Amino acid sequence: MRRITHRVGSVYVSVTVFLGVISALVVGVALGFPPWCQTMVYSTSGLVALSMLFMIQPTTNQQTATILLKLDELVHASSDARNEVMDAGDDDRRSQEQLHDRLHH
């Protein structure tokens, strides 16, 4: 999955997509933007966007988990670490904001 995500984010794919968009605009202008052409563009763009979402999400989740693991290691290595802060990841957003306000204000 990493290889796919890396390739999808490459310059070559960006250039290919850009050329595809320009081609679609040229064809649309040449044909007067018939309804079937608009439907094809909308459908294609929706499918591509949804596909990109599902391709990128696993990599994003892995990177986030890696960052959190490294951060946990740094916190555990600190002698001033507070247990309430270390356990904040299990709390809901409101509790985290209250803890932040209590510690930094």
PDB file of N, CA and C in Angstrom:
ATOM      1  N   MET A   1       0.829  -1.185   0.000  1.00  0.00           N
ATOM      2  CA  MET A   1       0.000   0.000   0.000  1.00  0.00           C
ATOM      3  C   MET A   1       0.880   1.257   0.000  1.00  0.00           C
ATOM      4  N   ARG A   2       2.021   1.178   0.659  1.00  0.00           N
ATOM      5  CA  ARG A   2       2.912   2.329   0.707  1.00  0.00           C
ATOM      6  C   ARG A   2       3.421   2.715  -0.674  1.00  0.00           C
ATOM      7  N   ARG A   3       3.735   1.700  -1.479  1.00  0.00           N
ATOM      8  CA  ARG A   3       4.212   1.979  -2.835  1.00  0.00           C
ATOM      9  C   ARG A   3       3.154   2.679  -3.655  1.00  0.00           C
ATOM     10  N   ILE A   4       1.922   2.234  -3.512  1.00  0.00           N
ATOM     11  CA  ILE A   4       0.821   2.856  -4.255  1.00  0.00           C
ATOM     12  C   ILE A   4       0.667   4.314  -3.835  1.00  0.00           C
ATOM     13  N   THR A   5       0.667   4.555  -2.530  1.00  0.00           N
ATOM     14  CA  THR A   5       0.525   5.920  -2.030  1.00  0.00           C
ATOM     15  C   THR A   5       1.673   6.791  -2.504  1.00  0.00           C
ATOM     16  N   HIS A   6       2.878   6.242  -2.486  1.00  0.00           N
ATOM     17  CA  HIS A   6       4.044   7.004  -2.938  1.00  0.00           C
ATOM     18  C   HIS A   6       3.921   7.340  -4.423  1.00  0.00           C
ATOM     19  N   ARG A   7       3.510   6.381  -5.212  1.00  0.00           N
ATOM     20  CA  ARG A   7       3.365   6.615  -6.657  1.00  0.00           C
ATOM     21  C   ARG A   7       2.239   7.589  -6.960  1.00  0.00           C
ATOM     22  N   VAL A   8       1.129   7.470  -6.249  1.00  0.00           N
ATOM     23  CA  VAL A   8      -0.003   8.364  -6.476  1.00  0.00           C
ATOM     24  C   VAL A   8       0.388   9.813  -6.174  1.00  0.00           C
ATOM     25  N   GLY A   9       1.270  10.014  -5.218  1.00  0.00           N
ATOM     26  CA  GLY A   9       1.704  11.354  -4.857  1.00  0.00           C
ATOM     27  C   GLY A   9       2.880  11.868  -5.664  1.00  0.00           C
ATOM     28  N   SER A  10       3.271  11.146  -6.704  1.00  0.00           N
ATOM     29  CA  SER A  10       4.446  11.541  -7.474  1.00  0.00           C
ATOM     30  C   SER A  10       4.135  12.666  -8.460  1.00  0.00           C
ATOM     31  N   VAL A  11       5.188  13.273  -8.955  1.00  0.00           N
ATOM     32  CA  VAL A  11       5.064  14.357  -9.928  1.00  0.00           C
ATOM     33  C   VAL A  11       4.454  13.826 -11.222  1.00  0.00           C
ATOM     34  N   TYR A  12       4.815  12.613 -11.611  1.00  0.00           N
ATOM     35  CA  TYR A  12       4.313  12.044 -12.853  1.00  0.00           C
ATOM     36  C   TYR A  12       2.788  11.911 -12.842  1.00  0.00           C
ATOM     37  N   VAL A  13       2.243  11.454 -11.734  1.00  0.00           N
ATOM     38  CA  VAL A  13       0.790  11.318 -11.632  1.00  0.00           C
ATOM     39  C   VAL A  13       0.147  12.704 -11.637  1.00  0.00           C
ATOM     40  N   SER A  14       0.752  13.667 -10.968  1.00  0.00           N
ATOM     41  CA  SER A  14       0.214  15.026 -10.961  1.00  0.00           C
ATOM     42  C   SER A  14       0.180  15.606 -12.371  1.00  0.00           C
ATOM     43  N   VAL A  15       1.238  15.414 -13.117  1.00  0.00           N
ATOM     44  CA  VAL A  15       1.289  15.911 -14.502  1.00  0.00           C
ATOM     45  C   VAL A  15       0.250  15.185 -15.360  1.00  0.00           C
ATOM     46  N   THR A  16       0.125  13.875 -15.179  1.00  0.00           N
ATOM     47  CA  THR A  16      -0.857  13.103 -15.937  1.00  0.00           C
ATOM     48  C   THR A  16      -2.280  13.581 -15.653  1.00  0.00           C
ATOM     49  N   VAL A  17      -2.579  13.822 -14.388  1.00  0.00           N
ATOM     50  CA  VAL A  17      -3.911  14.314 -14.022  1.00  0.00           C
ATOM     51  C   VAL A  17      -4.136  15.704 -14.612  1.00  0.00           C
ATOM     52  N   PHE A  18      -3.137  16.560 -14.532  1.00  0.00           N
ATOM     53  CA  PHE A  18      -3.247  17.905 -15.096  1.00  0.00           C
ATOM     54  C   PHE A  18      -3.517  17.830 -16.599  1.00  0.00           C
ATOM     55  N   LEU A  19      -2.781  16.972 -17.307  1.00  0.00           N
ATOM     56  CA  LEU A  19      -3.003  16.817 -18.745  1.00  0.00           C
ATOM     57  C   LEU A  19      -4.386  16.240 -19.040  1.00  0.00           C
ATOM     58  N   GLY A  20      -4.851  15.338 -18.187  1.00  0.00           N
ATOM     59  CA  GLY A  20      -6.205  14.789 -18.342  1.00  0.00           C
ATOM     60  C   GLY A  20      -7.278  15.848 -18.189  1.00  0.00           C
ATOM     61  N   VAL A  21      -7.092  16.735 -17.230  1.00  0.00           N
ATOM     62  CA  VAL A  21      -8.054  17.824 -17.021  1.00  0.00           C
ATOM     63  C   VAL A  21      -8.053  18.775 -18.213  1.00  0.00           C
ATOM     64  N   ILE A  22      -6.872  19.132 -18.687  1.00  0.00           N
ATOM     65  CA  ILE A  22      -6.773  20.004 -19.859  1.00  0.00           C
ATOM     66  C   ILE A  22      -7.424  19.340 -21.069  1.00  0.00           C
ATOM     67  N   SER A  23      -7.183  18.045 -21.246  1.00  0.00           N
ATOM     68  CA  SER A  23      -7.792  17.305 -22.371  1.00  0.00           C
ATOM     69  C   SER A  23      -9.315  17.306 -22.262  1.00  0.00           C
ATOM     70  N   ALA A  24      -9.836  17.086 -21.056  1.00  0.00           N
ATOM     71  CA  ALA A  24     -11.283  17.094 -20.855  1.00  0.00           C
ATOM     72  C   ALA A  24     -11.864  18.467 -21.166  1.00  0.00           C
ATOM     73  N   LEU A  25     -11.158  19.524 -20.787  1.00  0.00           N
ATOM     74  CA  LEU A  25     -11.631  20.872 -21.100  1.00  0.00           C
ATOM     75  C   LEU A  25     -11.626  21.132 -22.603  1.00  0.00           C
ATOM     76  N   VAL A  26     -10.585  20.702 -23.277  1.00  0.00           N
ATOM     77  CA  VAL A  26     -10.498  20.897 -24.731  1.00  0.00           C
ATOM     78  C   VAL A  26     -11.618  20.133 -25.435  1.00  0.00           C
ATOM     79  N   VAL A  27     -11.829  18.878 -25.053  1.00  0.00           N
ATOM     80  CA  VAL A  27     -12.903  18.080 -25.653  1.00  0.00           C
ATOM     81  C   VAL A  27     -14.254  18.706 -25.335  1.00  0.00           C
ATOM     82  N   GLY A  28     -14.438  19.154 -24.106  1.00  0.00           N
ATOM     83  CA  GLY A  28     -15.697  19.789 -23.722  1.00  0.00           C
ATOM     84  C   GLY A  28     -15.975  21.045 -24.519  1.00  0.00           C
ATOM     85  N   VAL A  29     -14.977  21.884 -24.702  1.00  0.00           N
ATOM     86  CA  VAL A  29     -15.145  23.102 -25.489  1.00  0.00           C
ATOM     87  C   VAL A  29     -15.432  22.752 -26.946  1.00  0.00           C
ATOM     88  N   ALA A  30     -14.715  21.777 -27.500  1.00  0.00           N
ATOM     89  CA  ALA A  30     -14.904  21.381 -28.897  1.00  0.00           C
ATOM     90  C   ALA A  30     -16.305  20.828 -29.142  1.00  0.00           C
ATOM     91  N   LEU A  31     -16.855  20.129 -28.158  1.00  0.00           N
ATOM     92  CA  LEU A  31     -18.185  19.524 -28.328  1.00  0.00           C
ATOM     93  C   LEU A  31     -19.309  20.381 -27.763  1.00  0.00           C
ATOM     94  N   GLY A  32     -18.976  21.521 -27.160  1.00  0.00           N
ATOM     95  CA  GLY A  32     -20.004  22.391 -26.588  1.00  0.00           C
ATOM     96  C   GLY A  32     -20.524  21.917 -25.242  1.00  0.00           C
ATOM     97  N   PHE A  33     -19.734  21.164 -24.523  1.00  0.00           N
ATOM     98  CA  PHE A  33     -20.084  20.636 -23.198  1.00  0.00           C
ATOM     99  C   PHE A  33     -21.467  19.973 -23.184  1.00  0.00           C
ATOM    100  N   PRO A  34     -21.618  18.875 -23.920  1.00  0.00           N
ATOM    101  CA  PRO A  34     -22.905  18.165 -23.893  1.00  0.00           C
ATOM    102  C   PRO A  34     -23.135  17.540 -22.511  1.00  0.00           C
ATOM    103  N   PRO A  35     -24.386  17.265 -22.173  1.00  0.00           N
ATOM    104  CA  PRO A  35     -24.690  16.705 -20.839  1.00  0.00           C
ATOM    105  C   PRO A  35     -23.928  15.422 -20.528  1.00  0.00           C
ATOM    106  N   TRP A  36     -23.740  14.532 -21.497  1.00  0.00           N
ATOM    107  CA  TRP A  36     -23.034  13.281 -21.231  1.00  0.00           C
ATOM    108  C   TRP A  36     -21.581  13.543 -20.857  1.00  0.00           C
ATOM    109  N   CYS A  37     -21.001  14.603 -21.440  1.00  0.00           N
ATOM    110  CA  CYS A  37     -19.603  14.951 -21.146  1.00  0.00           C
ATOM    111  C   CYS A  37     -19.486  15.452 -19.704  1.00  0.00           C
ATOM    112  N   GLN A  38     -20.434  16.282 -19.296  1.00  0.00           N
ATOM    113  CA  GLN A  38     -20.432  16.785 -17.917  1.00  0.00           C
ATOM    114  C   GLN A  38     -20.625  15.646 -16.926  1.00  0.00           C
ATOM    115  N   THR A  39     -21.529  14.746 -17.246  1.00  0.00           N
ATOM    116  CA  THR A  39     -21.769  13.593 -16.367  1.00  0.00           C
ATOM    117  C   THR A  39     -20.515  12.737 -16.238  1.00  0.00           C
ATOM    118  N   MET A  40     -19.828  12.534 -17.359  1.00  0.00           N
ATOM    119  CA  MET A  40     -18.605  11.741 -17.334  1.00  0.00           C
ATOM    120  C   MET A  40     -17.532  12.413 -16.464  1.00  0.00           C
ATOM    121  N   VAL A  41     -17.375  13.731 -16.596  1.00  0.00           N
ATOM    122  CA  VAL A  41     -16.375  14.460 -15.810  1.00  0.00           C
ATOM    123  C   VAL A  41     -16.714  14.401 -14.323  1.00  0.00           C
ATOM    124  N   TYR A  42     -17.982  14.644 -13.987  1.00  0.00           N
ATOM    125  CA  TYR A  42     -18.386  14.603 -12.575  1.00  0.00           C
ATOM    126  C   TYR A  42     -18.188  13.210 -11.981  1.00  0.00           C
ATOM    127  N   SER A  43     -18.603  12.191 -12.712  1.00  0.00           N
ATOM    128  CA  SER A  43     -18.469  10.812 -12.216  1.00  0.00           C
ATOM    129  C   SER A  43     -17.008  10.419 -12.046  1.00  0.00           C
ATOM    130  N   THR A  44     -16.207  10.749 -13.042  1.00  0.00           N
ATOM    131  CA  THR A  44     -14.787  10.405 -12.982  1.00  0.00           C
ATOM    132  C   THR A  44     -14.089  11.111 -11.834  1.00  0.00           C
ATOM    133  N   SER A  45     -14.367  12.402 -11.661  1.00  0.00           N
ATOM    134  CA  SER A  45     -13.705  13.143 -10.580  1.00  0.00           C
ATOM    135  C   SER A  45     -14.128  12.617  -9.214  1.00  0.00           C
ATOM    136  N   GLY A  46     -15.391  12.253  -9.070  1.00  0.00           N
ATOM    137  CA  GLY A  46     -15.854  11.684  -7.803  1.00  0.00           C
ATOM    138  C   GLY A  46     -15.202  10.351  -7.494  1.00  0.00           C
ATOM    139  N   LEU A  47     -15.108   9.498  -8.498  1.00  0.00           N
ATOM    140  CA  LEU A  47     -14.485   8.191  -8.301  1.00  0.00           C
ATOM    141  C   LEU A  47     -12.991   8.316  -7.996  1.00  0.00           C
ATOM    142  N   VAL A  48     -12.321   9.220  -8.693  1.00  0.00           N
ATOM    143  CA  VAL A  48     -10.891   9.416  -8.435  1.00  0.00           C
ATOM    144  C   VAL A  48     -10.676   9.952  -7.022  1.00  0.00           C
ATOM    145  N   ALA A  49     -11.477  10.941  -6.615  1.00  0.00           N
ATOM    146  CA  ALA A  49     -11.334  11.514  -5.269  1.00  0.00           C
ATOM    147  C   ALA A  49     -11.577  10.451  -4.193  1.00  0.00           C
ATOM    148  N   LEU A  50     -12.605   9.647  -4.364  1.00  0.00           N
ATOM    149  CA  LEU A  50     -12.906   8.600  -3.387  1.00  0.00           C
ATOM    150  C   LEU A  50     -11.792   7.550  -3.346  1.00  0.00           C
ATOM    151  N   SER A  51     -11.279   7.196  -4.505  1.00  0.00           N
ATOM    152  CA  SER A  51     -10.165   6.240  -4.558  1.00  0.00           C
ATOM    153  C   SER A  51      -8.934   6.777  -3.843  1.00  0.00           C
ATOM    154  N   MET A  52      -8.627   8.049  -4.067  1.00  0.00           N
ATOM    155  CA  MET A  52      -7.473   8.671  -3.412  1.00  0.00           C
ATOM    156  C   MET A  52      -7.653   8.671  -1.898  1.00  0.00           C
ATOM    157  N   LEU A  53      -8.853   8.945  -1.451  1.00  0.00           N
ATOM    158  CA  LEU A  53      -9.120   8.929  -0.019  1.00  0.00           C
ATOM    159  C   LEU A  53      -8.791   7.572   0.583  1.00  0.00           C
ATOM    160  N   PHE A  54      -9.251   6.510  -0.063  1.00  0.00           N
ATOM    161  CA  PHE A  54      -9.013   5.170   0.470  1.00  0.00           C
ATOM    162  C   PHE A  54      -7.564   4.723   0.310  1.00  0.00           C
ATOM    163  N   MET A  55      -6.842   5.276  -0.657  1.00  0.00           N
ATOM    164  CA  MET A  55      -5.430   4.934  -0.814  1.00  0.00           C
ATOM    165  C   MET A  55      -4.547   5.665   0.186  1.00  0.00           C
ATOM    166  N   ILE A  56      -4.898   6.890   0.494  1.00  0.00           N
ATOM    167  CA  ILE A  56      -4.054   7.715   1.356  1.00  0.00           C
ATOM    168  C   ILE A  56      -4.325   7.455   2.843  1.00  0.00           C
ATOM    169  N   GLN A  57      -5.553   7.104   3.188  1.00  0.00           N
ATOM    170  CA  GLN A  57      -5.927   6.949   4.599  1.00  0.00           C
ATOM    171  C   GLN A  57      -5.079   5.938   5.369  1.00  0.00           C
ATOM    172  N   PRO A  58      -4.785   4.735   4.848  1.00  0.00           N
ATOM    173  CA  PRO A  58      -3.954   3.797   5.626  1.00  0.00           C
ATOM    174  C   PRO A  58      -2.559   4.344   5.929  1.00  0.00           C
ATOM    175  N   THR A  59      -1.967   5.040   4.964  1.00  0.00           N
ATOM    176  CA  THR A  59      -0.643   5.622   5.190  1.00  0.00           C
ATOM    177  C   THR A  59      -0.715   6.709   6.244  1.00  0.00           C
ATOM    178  N   THR A  60      -1.750   7.529   6.186  1.00  0.00           N
ATOM    179  CA  THR A  60      -1.931   8.581   7.183  1.00  0.00           C
ATOM    180  C   THR A  60      -2.107   7.975   8.572  1.00  0.00           C
ATOM    181  N   ASN A  61      -2.908   6.929   8.674  1.00  0.00           N
ATOM    182  CA  ASN A  61      -3.104   6.264   9.966  1.00  0.00           C
ATOM    183  C   ASN A  61      -1.799   5.689  10.497  1.00  0.00           C
ATOM    184  N   GLN A  62      -0.996   5.081   9.626  1.00  0.00           N
ATOM    185  CA  GLN A  62       0.278   4.502  10.051  1.00  0.00           C
ATOM    186  C   GLN A  62       1.232   5.594  10.526  1.00  0.00           C
ATOM    187  N   GLN A  63       1.295   6.697   9.790  1.00  0.00           N
ATOM    188  CA  GLN A  63       2.179   7.797  10.184  1.00  0.00           C
ATOM    189  C   GLN A  63       1.747   8.403  11.516  1.00  0.00           C
ATOM    190  N   THR A  64       0.445   8.548  11.715  1.00  0.00           N
ATOM    191  CA  THR A  64      -0.060   9.082  12.975  1.00  0.00           C
ATOM    192  C   THR A  64       0.282   8.153  14.132  1.00  0.00           C
ATOM    193  N   ALA A  65       0.091   6.860  13.939  1.00  0.00           N
ATOM    194  CA  ALA A  65       0.422   5.898  14.991  1.00  0.00           C
ATOM    195  C   ALA A  65       1.912   5.926  15.313  1.00  0.00           C
ATOM    196  N   THR A  66       2.751   6.070  14.295  1.00  0.00           N
ATOM    197  CA  THR A  66       4.199   6.144  14.503  1.00  0.00           C
ATOM    198  C   THR A  66       4.573   7.391  15.297  1.00  0.00           C
ATOM    199  N   ILE A  67       3.997   8.510  14.951  1.00  0.00           N
ATOM    200  CA  ILE A  67       4.272   9.762  15.667  1.00  0.00           C
ATOM    201  C   ILE A  67       3.845   9.649  17.121  1.00  0.00           C
ATOM    202  N   LEU A  68       2.671   9.078  17.357  1.00  0.00           N
ATOM    203  CA  LEU A  68       2.192   8.929  18.736  1.00  0.00           C
ATOM    204  C   LEU A  68       3.081   7.975  19.534  1.00  0.00           C
ATOM    205  N   LEU A  69       3.560   6.920  18.910  1.00  0.00           N
ATOM    206  CA  LEU A  69       4.456   5.985  19.586  1.00  0.00           C
ATOM    207  C   LEU A  69       5.762   6.673  19.980  1.00  0.00           C
ATOM    208  N   LYS A  70       6.313   7.454  19.065  1.00  0.00           N
ATOM    209  CA  LYS A  70       7.545   8.187  19.360  1.00  0.00           C
ATOM    210  C   LYS A  70       7.312   9.224  20.457  1.00  0.00           C
ATOM    211  N   LEU A  71       6.191   9.898  20.400  1.00  0.00           N
ATOM    212  CA  LEU A  71       5.868  10.886  21.423  1.00  0.00           C
ATOM    213  C   LEU A  71       5.702  10.226  22.792  1.00  0.00           C
ATOM    214  N   ASP A  72       5.041   9.076  22.822  1.00  0.00           N
ATOM    215  CA  ASP A  72       4.905   8.334  24.084  1.00  0.00           C
ATOM    216  C   ASP A  72       6.274   7.976  24.659  1.00  0.00           C
ATOM    217  N   GLU A  73       7.187   7.554  23.801  1.00  0.00           N
ATOM    218  CA  GLU A  73       8.533   7.199  24.255  1.00  0.00           C
ATOM    219  C   GLU A  73       9.232   8.417  24.850  1.00  0.00           C
ATOM    220  N   LEU A  74       9.073   9.568  24.229  1.00  0.00           N
ATOM    221  CA  LEU A  74       9.681  10.788  24.768  1.00  0.00           C
ATOM    222  C   LEU A  74       9.067  11.177  26.114  1.00  0.00           C
ATOM    223  N   VAL A  75       7.763  11.027  26.215  1.00  0.00           N
ATOM    224  CA  VAL A  75       7.085  11.358  27.472  1.00  0.00           C
ATOM    225  C   VAL A  75       7.528  10.407  28.575  1.00  0.00           C
ATOM    226  N   HIS A  76       7.609   9.127  28.282  1.00  0.00           N
ATOM    227  CA  HIS A  76       8.043   8.144  29.289  1.00  0.00           C
ATOM    228  C   HIS A  76       9.488   8.388  29.727  1.00  0.00           C
ATOM    229  N   ALA A  77      10.299   8.920  28.831  1.00  0.00           N
ATOM    230  CA  ALA A  77      11.702   9.180  29.155  1.00  0.00           C
ATOM    231  C   ALA A  77      11.859  10.415  30.033  1.00  0.00           C
ATOM    232  N   SER A  78      10.847  11.253  30.067  1.00  0.00           N
ATOM    233  CA  SER A  78      10.913  12.479  30.864  1.00  0.00           C
ATOM    234  C   SER A  78      10.579  12.174  32.320  1.00  0.00           C
ATOM    235  N   SER A  79      11.379  12.698  33.214  1.00  0.00           N
ATOM    236  CA  SER A  79      11.125  12.463  34.638  1.00  0.00           C
ATOM    237  C   SER A  79      10.000  13.347  35.166  1.00  0.00           C
ATOM    238  N   ASP A  80       9.657  14.396  34.427  1.00  0.00           N
ATOM    239  CA  ASP A  80       8.596  15.308  34.860  1.00  0.00           C
ATOM    240  C   ASP A  80       7.235  14.955  34.262  1.00  0.00           C
ATOM    241  N   ALA A  81       7.128  13.830  33.602  1.00  0.00           N
ATOM    242  CA  ALA A  81       5.871  13.459  32.948  1.00  0.00           C
ATOM    243  C   ALA A  81       4.773  13.230  33.984  1.00  0.00           C
ATOM    244  N   ARG A  82       3.579  13.696  33.660  1.00  0.00           N
ATOM    245  CA  ARG A  82       2.432  13.536  34.555  1.00  0.00           C
ATOM    246  C   ARG A  82       1.534  12.421  34.021  1.00  0.00           C
ATOM    247  N   ASN A  83       1.074  11.569  34.910  1.00  0.00           N
ATOM    248  CA  ASN A  83       0.217  10.457  34.498  1.00  0.00           C
ATOM    249  C   ASN A  83      -1.072  10.932  33.852  1.00  0.00           C
ATOM    250  N   GLU A  84      -1.630  12.039  34.347  1.00  0.00           N
ATOM    251  CA  GLU A  84      -2.889  12.531  33.789  1.00  0.00           C
ATOM    252  C   GLU A  84      -2.712  12.985  32.336  1.00  0.00           C
ATOM    253  N   VAL A  85      -1.541  13.481  32.007  1.00  0.00           N
ATOM    254  CA  VAL A  85      -1.274  13.885  30.629  1.00  0.00           C
ATOM    255  C   VAL A  85      -1.045  12.653  29.764  1.00  0.00           C
ATOM    256  N   MET A  86      -0.315  11.690  30.291  1.00  0.00           N
ATOM    257  CA  MET A  86      -0.033  10.474  29.525  1.00  0.00           C
ATOM    258  C   MET A  86      -1.309   9.697  29.215  1.00  0.00           C
ATOM    259  N   ASP A  87      -2.292   9.765  30.096  1.00  0.00           N
ATOM    260  CA  ASP A  87      -3.556   9.046  29.898  1.00  0.00           C
ATOM    261  C   ASP A  87      -4.591   9.876  29.149  1.00  0.00           C
ATOM    262  N   ALA A  88      -4.256  11.087  28.761  1.00  0.00           N
ATOM    263  CA  ALA A  88      -5.222  11.987  28.111  1.00  0.00           C
ATOM    264  C   ALA A  88      -5.707  11.452  26.766  1.00  0.00           C
ATOM    265  N   GLY A  89      -4.952  10.594  26.132  1.00  0.00           N
ATOM    266  CA  GLY A  89      -5.357  10.039  24.845  1.00  0.00           C
ATOM    267  C   GLY A  89      -6.634   9.226  24.919  1.00  0.00           C
ATOM    268  N   ASP A  90      -6.961   8.732  26.105  1.00  0.00           N
ATOM    269  CA  ASP A  90      -8.178   7.937  26.272  1.00  0.00           C
ATOM    270  C   ASP A  90      -9.388   8.806  26.595  1.00  0.00           C
ATOM    271  N   ASP A  91      -9.159  10.091  26.867  1.00  0.00           N
ATOM    272  CA  ASP A  91     -10.244  11.007  27.244  1.00  0.00           C
ATOM    273  C   ASP A  91     -10.935  11.569  26.010  1.00  0.00           C
ATOM    274  N   ASP A  92     -12.153  12.093  26.217  1.00  0.00           N
ATOM    275  CA  ASP A  92     -12.834  12.757  25.110  1.00  0.00           C
ATOM    276  C   ASP A  92     -12.251  14.163  24.918  1.00  0.00           C
ATOM    277  N   ARG A  93     -12.640  14.808  23.862  1.00  0.00           N
ATOM    278  CA  ARG A  93     -12.061  16.104  23.480  1.00  0.00           C
ATOM    279  C   ARG A  93     -12.265  17.164  24.572  1.00  0.00           C
ATOM    280  N   ARG A  94     -13.424  17.184  25.168  1.00  0.00           N
ATOM    281  CA  ARG A  94     -13.720  18.194  26.207  1.00  0.00           C
ATOM    282  C   ARG A  94     -12.798  18.024  27.415  1.00  0.00           C
ATOM    283  N   SER A  95     -12.583  16.788  27.831  1.00  0.00           N
ATOM    284  CA  SER A  95     -11.692  16.522  28.964  1.00  0.00           C
ATOM    285  C   SER A  95     -10.254  16.917  28.636  1.00  0.00           C
ATOM    286  N   GLN A  96      -9.846  16.677  27.393  1.00  0.00           N
ATOM    287  CA  GLN A  96      -8.503  17.078  26.975  1.00  0.00           C
ATOM    288  C   GLN A  96      -8.346  18.597  27.004  1.00  0.00           C
ATOM    289  N   GLU A  97      -9.366  19.308  26.555  1.00  0.00           N
ATOM    290  CA  GLU A  97      -9.309  20.773  26.581  1.00  0.00           C
ATOM    291  C   GLU A  97      -9.268  21.298  28.011  1.00  0.00           C
ATOM    292  N   GLN A  98     -10.037  20.678  28.910  1.00  0.00           N
ATOM    293  CA  GLN A  98     -10.004  21.084  30.316  1.00  0.00           C
ATOM    294  C   GLN A  98      -8.632  20.843  30.923  1.00  0.00           C
ATOM    295  N   LEU A  99      -8.031  19.708  30.612  1.00  0.00           N
ATOM    296  CA  LEU A  99      -6.688  19.405  31.106  1.00  0.00           C
ATOM    297  C   LEU A  99      -5.701  20.412  30.561  1.00  0.00           C
ATOM    298  N   HIS A 100      -5.797  20.744  29.292  1.00  0.00           N
ATOM    299  CA  HIS A 100      -4.909  21.741  28.691  1.00  0.00           C
ATOM    300  C   HIS A 100      -5.055  23.096  29.393  1.00  0.00           C
ATOM    301  N   ASP A 101      -6.299  23.516  29.612  1.00  0.00           N
ATOM    302  CA  ASP A 101      -6.527  24.806  30.292  1.00  0.00           C
ATOM    303  C   ASP A 101      -5.974  24.798  31.702  1.00  0.00           C
ATOM    304  N   ARG A 102      -6.147  23.687  32.415  1.00  0.00           N
ATOM    305  CA  ARG A 102      -5.667  23.579  33.786  1.00  0.00           C
ATOM    306  C   ARG A 102      -4.136  23.628  33.857  1.00  0.00           C
ATOM    307  N   LEU A 103      -3.473  23.039  32.907  1.00  0.00           N
ATOM    308  CA  LEU A 103      -2.012  22.968  32.942  1.00  0.00           C
ATOM    309  C   LEU A 103      -1.333  24.201  32.369  1.00  0.00           C
ATOM    310  N   HIS A 104      -2.006  24.899  31.463  1.00  0.00           N
ATOM    311  CA  HIS A 104      -1.322  25.996  30.756  1.00  0.00           C
ATOM    312  C   HIS A 104      -1.922  27.375  31.024  1.00  0.00           C
ATOM    313  N   HIS A 105      -2.829  27.479  31.950  1.00  0.00           N
ATOM    314  CA  HIS A 105      -3.389  28.810  32.247  1.00  0.00           C
ATOM    315  C   HIS A 105      -3.363  29.102  33.712  1.00  0.00           C
TER     316      HIS A 105
END
